[in-house]
N, C-alpha and C. Protein backbone atom coordinates (compact mmCIF):
# COMPACT_ATOMS: atom_id res chain seq x y z
N GLN A 1 107.26 182.36 68.42
CA GLN A 1 106.22 182.09 69.18
C GLN A 1 106.27 180.52 69.34
N VAL A 2 106.16 179.91 70.58
CA VAL A 2 106.62 178.65 70.90
C VAL A 2 105.16 178.03 71.00
N GLN A 3 105.13 176.57 70.04
CA GLN A 3 104.00 175.98 69.98
C GLN A 3 104.19 174.61 69.97
N LEU A 4 102.87 174.07 70.32
CA LEU A 4 102.87 172.55 70.62
C LEU A 4 101.42 172.37 69.97
N VAL A 5 101.12 171.10 69.14
CA VAL A 5 100.10 171.28 68.17
C VAL A 5 100.12 169.36 68.13
N GLU A 6 99.09 168.75 69.03
CA GLU A 6 98.77 167.55 68.78
C GLU A 6 98.06 167.15 67.98
N SER A 7 98.10 165.78 67.47
CA SER A 7 97.36 165.02 66.70
C SER A 7 97.40 163.61 66.77
N GLY A 8 96.30 163.01 66.06
CA GLY A 8 96.43 161.62 66.31
C GLY A 8 95.40 160.76 67.05
N GLY A 9 94.92 161.76 67.61
CA GLY A 9 93.48 161.06 68.65
C GLY A 9 92.72 160.34 67.95
N GLY A 10 91.86 159.71 68.61
CA GLY A 10 90.46 159.01 68.10
C GLY A 10 90.01 157.88 68.67
N LEU A 11 89.03 157.28 68.23
CA LEU A 11 88.70 156.26 68.81
C LEU A 11 89.23 154.61 68.30
N VAL A 12 89.49 153.98 69.54
CA VAL A 12 89.97 152.69 69.20
C VAL A 12 89.29 151.59 70.10
N GLU A 13 89.16 150.48 69.73
CA GLU A 13 88.82 149.53 70.56
C GLU A 13 89.74 148.93 71.58
N PRO A 14 89.26 148.35 72.45
CA PRO A 14 90.36 147.95 73.44
C PRO A 14 90.95 146.77 73.13
N GLY A 15 92.50 146.99 73.56
CA GLY A 15 93.74 145.84 73.06
C GLY A 15 94.22 146.67 71.63
N GLY A 16 93.58 147.48 71.18
CA GLY A 16 94.10 148.40 69.99
C GLY A 16 95.50 149.36 70.18
N SER A 17 95.72 149.80 69.10
CA SER A 17 96.84 150.61 69.07
C SER A 17 96.50 152.09 68.61
N LEU A 18 97.27 152.93 69.02
CA LEU A 18 97.25 154.54 68.47
C LEU A 18 98.61 155.17 68.62
N GLU A 19 98.66 155.97 67.61
CA GLU A 19 100.08 156.88 67.96
C GLU A 19 99.55 158.42 67.89
N LEU A 20 99.89 158.93 68.91
CA LEU A 20 99.89 160.56 68.86
C LEU A 20 100.89 161.08 68.72
N SER A 21 101.02 162.10 67.86
CA SER A 21 102.12 162.89 67.44
C SER A 21 102.01 164.24 67.86
N CYS A 22 103.16 165.11 68.27
CA CYS A 22 103.15 166.26 68.63
C CYS A 22 104.07 167.44 67.93
N ALA A 23 103.70 168.25 66.91
CA ALA A 23 104.62 169.09 66.09
C ALA A 23 105.18 170.01 67.31
N ALA A 24 106.31 170.44 67.59
CA ALA A 24 107.00 171.01 68.38
C ALA A 24 107.78 171.88 67.71
N SER A 25 107.91 173.57 68.51
CA SER A 25 109.07 174.35 67.94
C SER A 25 110.26 174.07 68.16
N PRO A 26 111.11 174.13 67.25
CA PRO A 26 112.81 173.53 67.44
C PRO A 26 113.15 174.06 68.81
N VAL A 27 113.20 174.99 69.27
CA VAL A 27 113.70 175.63 70.54
C VAL A 27 113.16 174.27 71.86
N LEU A 28 112.20 173.81 71.44
CA LEU A 28 111.78 172.90 72.84
C LEU A 28 112.61 171.39 72.73
N PHE A 29 113.42 171.48 72.00
CA PHE A 29 114.45 170.13 71.56
C PHE A 29 115.70 170.47 72.46
N THR A 30 115.57 171.76 72.69
CA THR A 30 117.07 171.84 73.63
C THR A 30 117.13 171.65 75.09
N ILE A 31 116.84 172.37 75.85
CA ILE A 31 116.62 172.63 77.21
C ILE A 31 115.60 172.25 78.13
N TYR A 32 114.78 171.44 77.36
CA TYR A 32 113.45 171.21 77.62
C TYR A 32 113.00 169.81 78.03
N THR A 33 112.14 169.58 78.85
CA THR A 33 111.76 168.21 79.35
C THR A 33 110.36 167.78 78.69
N LEU A 34 110.21 167.05 77.59
CA LEU A 34 109.05 166.74 76.77
C LEU A 34 108.43 165.97 77.49
N GLY A 35 107.06 165.97 77.27
CA GLY A 35 106.12 164.77 77.93
C GLY A 35 104.78 164.86 77.18
N TRP A 36 104.24 163.71 77.64
CA TRP A 36 102.82 163.83 77.33
C TRP A 36 101.89 163.29 79.00
N TYR A 37 100.86 164.28 78.82
CA TYR A 37 100.06 164.05 79.98
C TYR A 37 98.74 163.76 79.46
N ARG A 38 97.81 163.36 80.49
CA ARG A 38 96.36 163.44 80.21
C ARG A 38 95.13 163.57 81.41
N GLN A 39 94.00 163.85 81.06
CA GLN A 39 93.08 164.38 81.91
C GLN A 39 91.73 163.44 81.40
N ALA A 40 91.20 162.66 82.31
CA ALA A 40 90.06 162.03 82.26
C ALA A 40 88.90 162.76 82.91
N PRO A 41 87.72 162.81 82.36
CA PRO A 41 86.55 163.24 83.02
C PRO A 41 86.68 163.11 84.69
N GLY A 42 86.70 164.23 85.45
CA GLY A 42 86.22 164.10 86.65
C GLY A 42 87.82 163.71 87.36
N LYS A 43 88.66 163.67 86.43
CA LYS A 43 89.96 163.40 87.23
C LYS A 43 91.21 164.49 87.31
N ARG A 44 92.18 164.54 87.84
CA ARG A 44 93.12 165.64 87.86
C ARG A 44 94.33 165.07 86.32
N ARG A 45 94.72 166.22 85.86
CA ARG A 45 95.98 165.84 85.06
C ARG A 45 96.72 165.01 85.41
N GLU A 46 97.24 163.92 84.70
CA GLU A 46 98.54 163.30 85.16
C GLU A 46 99.55 163.01 83.95
N SER A 47 100.81 163.01 84.76
CA SER A 47 102.00 162.58 83.86
C SER A 47 101.78 161.03 83.19
N VAL A 48 101.96 160.90 82.01
CA VAL A 48 101.91 159.95 80.89
C VAL A 48 103.49 159.31 81.12
N ALA A 49 104.06 159.95 80.35
CA ALA A 49 105.47 159.92 79.74
C ALA A 49 106.22 160.73 79.87
N THR A 50 107.44 161.05 80.04
CA THR A 50 108.33 162.24 79.97
C THR A 50 109.89 161.80 79.52
N VAL A 51 110.43 162.65 78.69
CA VAL A 51 111.49 162.45 78.14
C VAL A 51 112.33 163.90 78.36
N THR A 52 113.45 163.79 79.02
CA THR A 52 114.56 164.89 79.33
C THR A 52 115.36 165.33 77.95
N SER A 53 115.83 166.39 77.83
CA SER A 53 116.89 166.75 76.75
C SER A 53 117.69 165.68 76.67
N GLY A 54 118.29 165.13 77.42
CA GLY A 54 119.15 164.16 77.79
C GLY A 54 118.77 162.70 77.36
N GLY A 55 117.54 162.58 77.12
CA GLY A 55 117.23 161.49 76.84
C GLY A 55 116.77 160.26 77.82
N ARG A 56 116.58 160.79 79.16
CA ARG A 56 116.04 159.78 80.08
C ARG A 56 114.57 160.02 80.00
N ILE A 57 114.10 158.81 80.04
CA ILE A 57 112.68 158.67 80.25
C ILE A 57 112.08 158.07 81.25
N LYS A 58 110.78 158.71 81.78
CA LYS A 58 110.00 158.20 82.81
C LYS A 58 108.68 157.73 82.32
N TYR A 59 107.57 156.65 82.94
CA TYR A 59 106.34 156.24 82.50
C TYR A 59 105.64 156.24 83.88
N ALA A 60 104.58 156.31 83.45
CA ALA A 60 103.68 156.20 84.70
C ALA A 60 103.59 154.69 84.59
N ASP A 61 103.00 154.35 86.04
CA ASP A 61 103.21 152.94 86.39
C ASP A 61 101.86 152.36 85.55
N SER A 62 100.97 152.83 85.50
CA SER A 62 100.12 152.35 84.44
C SER A 62 100.01 152.12 83.26
N VAL A 63 101.08 153.06 82.51
CA VAL A 63 101.01 152.62 81.11
C VAL A 63 102.65 152.02 80.61
N ARG A 64 103.50 151.82 81.88
CA ARG A 64 104.61 151.16 81.44
C ARG A 64 104.83 149.54 80.85
N GLY A 65 105.31 149.44 79.89
CA GLY A 65 105.14 148.41 79.07
C GLY A 65 104.44 148.59 77.76
N ARG A 66 103.29 149.30 77.72
CA ARG A 66 102.49 149.54 76.83
C ARG A 66 102.31 150.83 75.98
N PHE A 67 103.27 151.90 76.85
CA PHE A 67 103.50 153.04 75.71
C PHE A 67 104.82 153.41 75.36
N THR A 68 104.76 154.36 74.45
CA THR A 68 106.30 154.24 74.27
C THR A 68 106.41 156.07 73.65
N ILE A 69 107.40 156.63 74.34
CA ILE A 69 107.48 158.00 73.97
C ILE A 69 108.68 157.86 73.27
N SER A 70 108.70 158.80 72.55
CA SER A 70 109.84 158.92 71.47
C SER A 70 110.11 160.40 70.73
N LYS A 71 111.08 160.94 70.50
CA LYS A 71 111.16 162.48 69.85
C LYS A 71 111.94 162.22 68.52
N ASP A 72 111.83 162.66 67.75
CA ASP A 72 112.43 162.96 66.10
C ASP A 72 112.73 164.54 66.16
N ILE A 73 114.12 164.87 66.56
CA ILE A 73 114.69 166.10 66.37
C ILE A 73 114.62 166.56 64.83
N ALA A 74 115.11 165.96 64.11
CA ALA A 74 114.88 166.15 62.71
C ALA A 74 113.30 166.92 62.40
N LYS A 75 112.59 165.92 62.86
CA LYS A 75 111.04 166.40 62.35
C LYS A 75 110.53 167.59 63.29
N ASN A 76 111.32 167.90 64.57
CA ASN A 76 110.38 168.43 65.64
C ASN A 76 109.21 167.99 65.77
N THR A 77 109.24 166.57 66.41
CA THR A 77 107.76 165.76 66.54
C THR A 77 108.36 164.94 67.63
N ILE A 78 107.16 165.02 68.71
CA ILE A 78 107.28 164.14 69.52
C ILE A 78 106.23 162.75 69.31
N TYR A 79 106.30 161.83 69.83
CA TYR A 79 105.63 160.80 69.60
C TYR A 79 105.16 160.10 70.89
N LEU A 80 103.90 159.37 71.03
CA LEU A 80 103.46 158.70 71.92
C LEU A 80 102.73 157.59 71.18
N HIS A 81 103.44 156.45 71.20
CA HIS A 81 103.04 154.98 70.94
C HIS A 81 102.54 154.37 72.04
N MET A 82 100.89 154.01 71.63
CA MET A 82 100.22 153.40 72.80
C MET A 82 99.58 152.01 72.01
N ASN A 83 99.84 150.64 72.72
CA ASN A 83 99.75 149.61 72.49
C ASN A 83 98.70 149.24 73.57
N SER A 84 97.70 148.26 73.52
CA SER A 84 97.36 147.42 74.43
C SER A 84 96.18 148.50 75.31
N LEU A 85 95.73 149.12 74.47
CA LEU A 85 94.91 150.29 75.04
C LEU A 85 93.57 149.56 76.04
N LYS A 86 93.21 150.51 76.99
CA LYS A 86 92.15 149.72 77.88
C LYS A 86 91.35 150.99 78.08
N PRO A 87 90.01 150.82 78.30
CA PRO A 87 89.09 151.54 78.41
C PRO A 87 89.61 152.74 79.62
N GLU A 88 90.36 152.61 80.50
CA GLU A 88 90.76 153.33 81.55
C GLU A 88 91.71 154.30 81.00
N ASP A 89 92.39 154.27 79.76
CA ASP A 89 93.14 154.92 78.88
C ASP A 89 92.36 156.59 78.26
N THR A 90 90.90 156.16 78.62
CA THR A 90 90.27 157.51 77.66
C THR A 90 90.62 158.58 78.20
N ALA A 91 90.82 159.71 77.74
CA ALA A 91 90.88 161.16 78.32
C ALA A 91 91.34 161.75 76.86
N VAL A 92 91.83 163.04 78.01
CA VAL A 92 92.36 163.97 76.56
C VAL A 92 93.56 164.04 76.91
N TYR A 93 94.75 164.12 76.02
CA TYR A 93 96.18 163.80 76.12
C TYR A 93 96.76 165.21 75.57
N TYR A 94 97.80 165.38 76.22
CA TYR A 94 98.31 166.72 76.17
C TYR A 94 99.43 166.43 76.02
N CYS A 95 100.43 167.59 75.12
CA CYS A 95 101.88 167.24 74.94
C CYS A 95 102.55 168.47 75.40
N ALA A 96 103.37 168.57 76.20
CA ALA A 96 103.89 169.44 77.24
C ALA A 96 105.64 169.92 77.08
N ALA A 97 105.91 170.85 77.29
CA ALA A 97 107.36 171.02 77.62
C ALA A 97 107.60 171.73 78.68
N ALA A 98 108.75 171.63 79.64
CA ALA A 98 108.93 172.43 80.76
C ALA A 98 110.41 172.08 80.68
N ARG A 99 110.99 173.66 80.88
CA ARG A 99 112.03 174.06 80.70
C ARG A 99 113.31 173.58 82.01
N GLU A 100 114.40 172.78 81.54
CA GLU A 100 115.11 172.36 82.58
C GLU A 100 115.83 173.44 83.46
N VAL A 101 116.21 174.36 83.06
CA VAL A 101 116.81 175.16 83.87
C VAL A 101 116.26 176.83 83.94
N GLU A 102 116.67 177.29 85.19
CA GLU A 102 116.20 178.87 85.40
C GLU A 102 116.03 179.53 84.54
N PRO A 103 115.13 180.60 83.92
CA PRO A 103 113.76 180.59 84.68
C PRO A 103 112.94 179.42 84.20
N GLY A 104 112.15 178.70 84.97
CA GLY A 104 111.31 177.92 84.60
C GLY A 104 110.12 178.41 83.62
N ARG A 105 110.00 177.71 82.58
CA ARG A 105 108.74 177.83 81.59
C ARG A 105 107.89 176.52 81.09
N GLU A 106 106.57 176.24 81.05
CA GLU A 106 105.80 175.39 80.88
C GLU A 106 105.33 175.82 79.18
N TYR A 107 105.08 174.98 78.74
CA TYR A 107 104.11 175.43 77.18
C TYR A 107 103.30 173.74 77.25
N TRP A 108 102.17 174.18 76.79
CA TRP A 108 101.37 173.21 76.59
C TRP A 108 100.46 173.15 75.24
N GLY A 109 100.20 172.05 74.44
CA GLY A 109 99.22 171.63 73.40
C GLY A 109 98.04 171.98 74.06
N GLN A 110 97.02 171.91 72.96
CA GLN A 110 95.75 172.21 73.08
C GLN A 110 94.94 170.45 73.51
N GLY A 111 95.76 169.53 73.45
CA GLY A 111 94.94 168.42 73.57
C GLY A 111 94.41 167.70 72.58
N THR A 112 94.13 166.32 72.54
CA THR A 112 93.78 165.46 71.46
C THR A 112 92.86 164.45 72.30
N GLN A 113 91.80 164.17 71.88
CA GLN A 113 90.96 163.33 72.80
C GLN A 113 91.33 161.58 72.14
N VAL A 114 91.47 160.93 73.44
CA VAL A 114 91.70 159.34 73.05
C VAL A 114 90.44 158.72 73.48
N THR A 115 89.91 158.05 73.16
CA THR A 115 88.69 157.35 73.53
C THR A 115 88.81 155.53 73.10
N VAL A 116 89.27 154.97 74.13
CA VAL A 116 88.90 153.60 73.97
C VAL A 116 87.61 152.69 74.26
N SER A 117 87.04 152.15 73.76
CA SER A 117 85.66 151.78 73.63
C SER A 117 85.36 150.54 72.85
N SER A 118 84.55 149.68 73.19
CA SER A 118 83.93 148.88 71.95
C SER A 118 82.42 149.40 71.52
């Protein structure tokens, strides 16, 4: 059974840092693009950062230079390190995996809340 389990969310003050972790099934570190997405209240879910199986990374313009995505294959874990957090970063953050070859598959974690507030 494929699983993605996020952890590390919480309350942080503006300008602070937080690191999210996502424990993932080993198969997801093969031919899957792994990523972090977020959904703020009343808004659509958006991509934050993704990394392909080959290591290509993409960031949303709103987080580039502040957030860093990484993966540790030995630990079967994906990370999102967030610096210089802003109130507009407040959202539920989801870890996800998308198969890069047919047939397409997507898997999602349950989400973890990040709140940036003083």
